Amino acid sequence: MDEFRPLLPRHQEIVGDRSPNLRPRHEELIPTPCGPIKQWSELQFLVKVYFCFTLLSMLVLLILAIVNIATESWKKGEDDDLSVSLIQLVGILFCVYYILRGVLQENRQELIIFVICVALVMVRSIVNFSVLKEKEKLLTVRFVSIICVGTVHLICAGLLIRRPNTMAFRVSGALESLQEQYFLLNLCFSMVTFDLQAQLCLCILILTSGPSVSTTHTIILGIGVGWAIITFVTGAISVLKEVKPLVWIFVLQNLPELAYFIYLLYTIISEWGQSETYILEAASITGCVISVFIKCVLFWGLFRLYRCFGQGLRERMFATNVH
C-alpha cells in the first residue's frame, strides 16, 4: 500500500491527520496532572536563582512558623496571635505551590496572590515590631530579615508578572478561541485553589477564637474543612478534565458554604461587642467577603469555560502522544 500513498513531507507523515496549526507549539513541555509545565532547562539563569531563593526562604519561614506555634506560651487574650500564626503557616504552604505554578506555568494569577501573601507577612511584621515595647536584638534581626527578603520577593515577582506570557500559545496553538479558553481554565483552577485557602483560613480563624466557639460550631467547622477539600478536588477535576456533570456537583457543593457565610455573619452581628477586641469579628467578616468575591469570579469564569468544553483544549494539555 505504501506505493499508492501520496507523497507528503516527513513531518506531516508523523503527525498523521492532525493539522500542524492544531498541535501544541512546543512539544517539549512536561505534562502534569495540573497541566503542562516548562522544563527546568528552559528557565533563564536569573529566574532559576530567584526560584531556588524563593523555595529556600519559604522553607525558613515555615520552620520559624512551626517553632513559633510549638514553643510560644499562648496566654489568655493572645488567641488573636495564634490565629494569625496558623493562617500564616497555611499561607506559606500555599505560597510554595503558587511560586511553582507561577514560574513553571507562567501563571500570573498565582504570582499576584504570592505577592499579596508576602505583602501581608511584611505588614504583620511591621505592626508587631512597632507595638513592641522592648525590642530585643534577635527580634530586630528577624524583622529586618523579613522586610529585606520580602522586598526582594515583591520586586522579583513583580518583574515576573510583567514578563510576556507564551504558555497560552504554546499549549493551545494559534487559535485565539483556544487561547482564551486556556486563560479561563487557568483562572478557574486558580480561583478553586484560592477558595480552598480562604476556606481553611476562615475555619482556623474561628476555631482558634477561644472558648466562645460552641461544641456544635466546632463540629460544623471540622466537617467544613473536609468539605472544602472535597469541593476543591471536585472543582479541579471538573475544570481540568472538562466533566460537565462534575461542574454541576461542584456548584451545588458551594451552596452549603454560602449558607454558612450567612449564618456566620448573623452570629457575628448578633454577638457584636461581647469580646474585648473586634479583631476576630472584623477578620471573620473580611474572610467571608473575600470568599464570596472569589466564588463570584470563579462562577463567572466557570460559566464561560463550561460553554467551551469539548473544543480540543483538554486533548492538547494532557496528550501523551504528541510526537
Protein backbone atom coordinates (compact mmCIF):
# COMPACT_ATOMS: atom_id res chain seq x y z
CA MET A 1 0.00 0.00 0.00
CA ASP A 2 2.99 2.31 0.52
CA GLU A 3 3.48 2.87 -3.20
CA PHE A 4 -0.04 4.32 -3.50
CA ARG A 5 0.38 6.69 -0.53
CA PRO A 6 0.55 10.37 -1.53
CA LEU A 7 3.98 11.88 -1.23
CA LEU A 8 3.95 14.05 1.92
CA PRO A 9 6.70 15.86 3.82
CA ARG A 10 8.24 13.81 6.58
CA HIS A 11 6.85 15.91 9.45
CA GLN A 12 3.30 15.64 8.09
CA GLU A 13 3.61 11.86 7.90
CA ILE A 14 4.49 11.80 11.60
CA VAL A 15 1.53 13.86 12.75
CA GLY A 16 -0.93 11.97 10.54
CA ASP A 17 -4.30 13.63 10.11
CA ARG A 18 -3.65 16.37 12.67
CA SER A 19 -3.19 19.81 11.20
CA PRO A 20 0.14 21.44 12.15
CA ASN A 21 -1.78 24.53 13.33
CA LEU A 22 -3.78 22.39 15.76
CA ARG A 23 -0.76 20.86 17.50
CA PRO A 24 0.91 22.36 20.59
CA ARG A 25 3.62 24.76 19.52
CA HIS A 26 6.37 23.24 21.69
CA GLU A 27 6.13 19.58 22.41
CA GLU A 28 8.94 19.69 24.97
CA LEU A 29 6.54 20.86 27.71
CA ILE A 30 6.25 18.39 30.58
CA PRO A 31 2.69 17.05 31.14
CA THR A 32 1.45 17.10 34.75
CA PRO A 33 -1.99 16.47 36.36
CA CYS A 34 -2.39 20.27 36.62
CA GLY A 35 -1.41 20.96 33.02
CA PRO A 36 1.88 21.19 31.12
CA ILE A 37 4.88 22.96 32.66
CA LYS A 38 8.17 24.20 31.29
CA GLN A 39 11.32 22.19 31.65
CA TRP A 40 13.94 23.38 34.14
CA SER A 41 16.44 23.87 31.28
CA GLU A 42 14.13 26.45 29.67
CA LEU A 43 14.30 28.83 32.59
CA GLN A 44 16.75 31.71 32.42
CA PHE A 45 19.63 31.69 34.90
CA LEU A 46 18.28 34.62 36.96
CA VAL A 47 14.84 33.01 37.10
CA LYS A 48 16.41 29.78 38.37
CA VAL A 49 18.31 31.71 41.05
CA TYR A 50 15.18 33.52 42.21
CA PHE A 51 13.15 30.30 42.11
CA CYS A 52 15.63 28.50 44.39
CA PHE A 53 15.90 31.57 46.64
CA THR A 54 12.12 31.65 47.00
CA LEU A 55 11.83 27.99 47.94
CA LEU A 56 14.65 28.37 50.47
CA SER A 57 13.11 31.47 52.05
CA MET A 58 9.70 29.78 52.25
CA LEU A 59 11.32 26.79 53.96
CA VAL A 60 12.95 29.07 56.54
CA LEU A 61 9.65 30.88 57.16
CA LEU A 62 7.87 27.55 57.51
CA ILE A 63 10.35 26.33 60.13
CA LEU A 64 10.11 29.62 62.05
CA ALA A 65 6.31 29.49 62.00
CA ILE A 66 6.23 25.90 63.27
CA VAL A 67 8.74 26.68 66.05
CA ASN A 68 6.75 29.78 66.97
CA ILE A 69 3.50 27.87 67.30
CA ALA A 70 5.08 24.93 69.15
CA THR A 71 7.18 26.84 71.69
CA GLU A 72 5.32 30.05 72.42
CA SER A 73 3.12 30.11 75.50
CA TRP A 74 -0.33 31.22 74.40
CA LYS A 75 -1.86 33.08 77.28
CA LYS A 76 -5.41 34.27 77.68
CA GLY A 77 -6.13 37.12 75.31
CA GLU A 78 -3.42 36.08 72.85
CA ASP A 79 -5.66 33.88 70.71
CA ASP A 80 -5.52 36.52 68.00
CA ASP A 81 -1.78 35.88 67.63
CA LEU A 82 -2.35 32.12 67.45
CA SER A 83 -4.96 32.55 64.73
CA VAL A 84 -2.71 34.78 62.64
CA SER A 85 0.28 32.45 63.09
CA LEU A 86 -1.68 29.40 61.95
CA ILE A 87 -3.11 31.32 58.99
CA GLN A 88 0.41 32.44 58.12
CA LEU A 89 1.55 28.80 58.24
CA VAL A 90 -1.17 27.83 55.75
CA GLY A 91 -0.25 30.82 53.60
CA ILE A 92 3.40 29.75 53.42
CA LEU A 93 2.43 26.27 52.21
CA PHE A 94 0.21 27.75 49.52
CA CYS A 95 2.96 30.22 48.55
CA VAL A 96 5.24 27.30 47.67
CA TYR A 97 2.51 25.99 45.38
CA TYR A 98 1.91 29.45 43.90
CA ILE A 99 5.55 30.05 43.03
CA LEU A 100 5.82 26.59 41.44
CA ARG A 101 2.86 27.21 39.13
CA GLY A 102 3.67 30.88 38.69
CA VAL A 103 7.17 30.23 37.36
CA LEU A 104 6.83 26.86 35.62
CA GLN A 105 3.42 27.61 34.06
CA GLU A 106 3.78 31.38 33.72
CA ASN A 107 0.58 31.76 35.74
CA ARG A 108 0.09 35.45 36.56
CA GLN A 109 -2.82 34.86 38.95
CA GLU A 110 -0.66 32.66 41.17
CA LEU A 111 2.19 35.19 41.15
CA ILE A 112 -0.17 38.03 42.07
CA ILE A 113 -1.55 36.09 45.05
CA PHE A 114 2.03 35.21 46.03
CA VAL A 115 2.89 38.92 46.08
CA ILE A 116 -0.20 39.66 48.18
CA CYS A 117 0.72 36.93 50.70
CA VAL A 118 4.28 38.25 51.01
CA ALA A 119 2.99 41.80 51.46
CA LEU A 120 0.63 40.64 54.25
CA VAL A 121 3.52 38.92 56.06
CA MET A 122 5.54 42.14 55.83
CA VAL A 123 2.64 44.25 57.12
CA ARG A 124 2.11 41.90 60.06
CA SER A 125 5.84 42.06 60.92
CA ILE A 126 5.82 45.86 60.78
CA VAL A 127 2.75 46.08 63.03
CA ASN A 128 4.11 43.56 65.56
CA PHE A 129 7.52 45.23 65.67
CA SER A 130 6.06 48.73 66.06
CA VAL A 131 3.96 47.79 69.11
CA LEU A 132 6.78 46.01 70.97
CA LYS A 133 7.93 48.00 73.98
CA GLU A 134 11.24 46.14 74.37
CA LYS A 135 12.85 45.39 71.03
CA GLU A 136 15.30 42.53 71.55
CA LYS A 137 18.26 42.12 69.21
CA LEU A 138 17.01 38.77 67.88
CA LEU A 139 13.58 40.19 67.10
CA THR A 140 15.17 43.19 65.39
CA VAL A 141 17.32 40.94 63.19
CA ARG A 142 14.29 38.81 62.35
CA PHE A 143 12.23 41.90 61.48
CA VAL A 144 14.93 43.35 59.23
CA SER A 145 15.41 39.98 57.51
CA ILE A 146 11.68 39.62 56.78
CA ILE A 147 11.48 43.15 55.36
CA CYS A 148 14.58 42.74 53.19
CA VAL A 149 13.61 39.30 51.87
CA GLY A 150 10.01 40.43 51.35
CA THR A 151 11.17 43.44 49.34
CA VAL A 152 13.24 41.17 47.09
CA HIS A 153 10.17 38.97 46.55
CA LEU A 154 7.96 41.94 45.71
CA ILE A 155 10.42 43.27 43.14
CA CYS A 156 11.35 39.96 41.50
CA ALA A 157 7.80 38.57 41.45
CA GLY A 158 6.60 41.88 40.03
CA LEU A 159 9.12 41.57 37.20
CA LEU A 160 7.96 38.00 36.51
CA ILE A 161 4.34 39.20 36.33
CA ARG A 162 5.30 41.81 33.72
CA ARG A 163 7.10 39.28 31.51
CA PRO A 164 5.37 38.17 28.26
CA ASN A 165 3.24 35.06 28.71
CA THR A 166 3.72 32.49 25.95
CA MET A 167 2.15 29.43 27.56
CA ALA A 168 -1.30 30.05 26.05
CA PHE A 169 0.24 29.98 22.55
CA ARG A 170 2.49 27.03 23.34
CA VAL A 171 -0.32 24.88 24.72
CA SER A 172 -3.31 25.91 22.60
CA GLY A 173 -1.71 26.86 19.31
CA ALA A 174 -2.52 29.88 17.16
CA LEU A 175 -6.32 29.77 17.58
CA GLU A 176 -7.39 32.77 19.68
CA SER A 177 -10.53 30.97 20.88
CA LEU A 178 -8.45 28.18 22.41
CA GLN A 179 -6.01 30.67 23.90
CA GLU A 180 -8.93 32.40 25.61
CA GLN A 181 -10.19 29.02 26.81
CA TYR A 182 -6.74 28.24 28.24
CA PHE A 183 -6.78 31.55 30.10
CA LEU A 184 -10.25 30.82 31.50
CA LEU A 185 -9.16 27.33 32.56
CA ASN A 186 -6.15 28.72 34.45
CA LEU A 187 -8.32 31.43 36.01
CA CYS A 188 -10.91 28.91 37.23
CA PHE A 189 -8.29 26.49 38.53
CA SER A 190 -6.54 29.33 40.38
CA MET A 191 -9.82 30.52 41.87
CA VAL A 192 -10.63 26.99 43.05
CA THR A 193 -7.25 26.97 44.82
CA PHE A 194 -7.75 30.45 46.29
CA ASP A 195 -11.17 29.39 47.53
CA LEU A 196 -9.66 26.40 49.34
CA GLN A 197 -7.09 28.62 51.03
CA ALA A 198 -9.77 31.10 52.07
CA GLN A 199 -11.98 28.33 53.50
CA LEU A 200 -9.11 26.81 55.51
CA CYS A 201 -8.03 30.19 56.87
CA LEU A 202 -11.60 31.09 57.85
CA CYS A 203 -12.04 27.77 59.68
CA ILE A 204 -8.75 28.25 61.52
CA LEU A 205 -9.71 31.78 62.46
CA ILE A 206 -13.00 30.71 64.03
CA LEU A 207 -11.73 27.50 65.66
CA THR A 208 -8.95 29.41 67.45
CA SER A 209 -11.18 32.26 68.58
CA GLY A 210 -11.35 30.86 72.11
CA PRO A 211 -14.00 29.31 74.35
CA SER A 212 -16.76 31.36 72.74
CA VAL A 213 -17.00 28.75 69.97
CA SER A 214 -19.63 26.16 70.88
CA THR A 215 -19.10 22.42 70.51
CA THR A 216 -21.70 22.25 67.75
CA HIS A 217 -20.00 25.04 65.87
CA THR A 218 -16.63 23.31 66.27
CA ILE A 219 -18.05 20.09 64.79
CA ILE A 220 -19.54 22.03 61.88
CA LEU A 221 -16.19 23.68 61.19
CA GLY A 222 -14.37 20.35 61.45
CA ILE A 223 -16.72 18.91 58.84
CA GLY A 224 -16.28 22.11 56.85
CA VAL A 225 -12.53 21.54 56.47
CA GLY A 226 -13.15 18.13 54.91
CA TRP A 227 -15.98 19.56 52.81
CA ALA A 228 -13.70 22.32 51.49
CA ILE A 229 -11.06 19.78 50.44
CA ILE A 230 -13.65 17.57 48.70
CA THR A 231 -15.10 20.62 46.95
CA PHE A 232 -11.62 21.62 45.77
CA VAL A 233 -10.98 18.15 44.32
CA THR A 234 -14.34 18.17 42.53
CA GLY A 235 -13.77 21.64 41.11
CA ALA A 236 -10.22 20.90 39.98
CA ILE A 237 -11.18 17.69 38.20
CA SER A 238 -14.24 19.24 36.56
CA VAL A 239 -12.17 22.15 35.21
CA LEU A 240 -9.12 20.21 34.05
CA LYS A 241 -10.95 17.18 32.64
CA GLU A 242 -13.98 19.09 31.27
CA VAL A 243 -16.51 16.87 33.07
CA LYS A 244 -19.84 18.70 32.83
CA PRO A 245 -21.72 16.66 35.49
CA LEU A 246 -18.94 17.41 37.99
CA VAL A 247 -19.32 21.12 37.27
CA TRP A 248 -22.93 21.00 38.47
CA ILE A 249 -21.93 18.93 41.51
CA PHE A 250 -19.24 21.49 42.28
CA VAL A 251 -21.76 24.34 42.07
CA LEU A 252 -24.11 22.50 44.43
CA GLN A 253 -21.24 21.85 46.86
CA ASN A 254 -20.72 25.59 47.18
CA LEU A 255 -24.30 26.23 48.35
CA PRO A 256 -23.75 24.96 51.93
CA GLU A 257 -20.64 27.16 52.17
CA LEU A 258 -22.63 30.24 51.12
CA ALA A 259 -25.33 29.32 53.62
CA TYR A 260 -22.69 29.07 56.36
CA PHE A 261 -21.35 32.53 55.46
CA ILE A 262 -24.83 33.96 56.02
CA TYR A 263 -25.13 32.11 59.34
CA LEU A 264 -21.66 33.28 60.41
CA LEU A 265 -22.40 36.91 59.59
CA TYR A 266 -25.68 36.69 61.51
CA THR A 267 -23.87 35.23 64.54
CA ILE A 268 -21.15 37.89 64.47
CA ILE A 269 -23.66 40.74 64.19
CA SER A 270 -25.88 39.36 66.96
CA GLU A 271 -22.91 38.93 69.35
CA TRP A 272 -21.09 42.11 68.34
CA GLY A 273 -19.28 43.88 71.19
CA GLN A 274 -19.15 40.96 73.63
CA SER A 275 -15.40 40.41 73.21
CA GLU A 276 -12.66 42.78 74.39
CA THR A 277 -11.40 43.40 70.87
CA TYR A 278 -13.02 43.41 67.47
CA ILE A 279 -10.07 41.79 65.67
CA LEU A 280 -11.61 38.34 65.21
CA GLU A 281 -15.00 39.76 64.28
CA ALA A 282 -13.50 42.06 61.67
CA ALA A 283 -11.27 39.28 60.35
CA SER A 284 -14.22 36.88 60.06
CA ILE A 285 -16.29 39.41 58.14
CA THR A 286 -13.32 40.17 55.88
CA GLY A 287 -12.80 36.44 55.29
CA CYS A 288 -16.45 35.98 54.32
CA VAL A 289 -16.34 38.93 51.92
CA ILE A 290 -13.13 37.66 50.29
CA SER A 291 -14.57 34.15 49.96
CA VAL A 292 -17.75 35.44 48.34
CA PHE A 293 -15.71 37.59 45.94
CA ILE A 294 -13.57 34.57 44.97
CA LYS A 295 -16.69 32.48 44.36
CA CYS A 296 -18.23 35.21 42.19
CA VAL A 297 -15.14 35.39 39.97
CA LEU A 298 -14.97 31.58 39.92
CA PHE A 299 -18.59 31.15 38.83
CA TRP A 300 -18.22 33.86 36.19
CA GLY A 301 -15.17 32.14 34.68
CA LEU A 302 -16.68 28.67 35.10
CA PHE A 303 -19.85 29.69 33.23
CA ARG A 304 -17.80 30.91 30.27
CA LEU A 305 -15.46 27.93 30.37
CA TYR A 306 -18.36 25.45 30.57
CA ARG A 307 -19.60 26.58 27.16
CA CYS A 308 -16.16 25.89 25.64
CA PHE A 309 -15.87 22.29 26.81
CA GLY A 310 -15.16 19.77 24.06
CA GLN A 311 -13.28 22.09 21.70
CA GLY A 312 -9.96 20.24 21.97
CA LEU A 313 -8.04 22.06 24.71
CA ARG A 314 -8.09 19.12 27.12
CA GLU A 315 -6.59 16.84 24.45
CA ARG A 316 -3.78 19.34 23.87
CA MET A 317 -2.99 19.82 27.55
CA PHE A 318 -2.95 16.15 28.54
CA ALA A 319 -1.97 14.47 25.26
CA THR A 320 0.80 11.95 25.81
CA ASN A 321 1.25 11.07 22.15
CA VAL A 322 2.17 14.44 20.68
CA HIS A 323 5.30 13.47 18.74
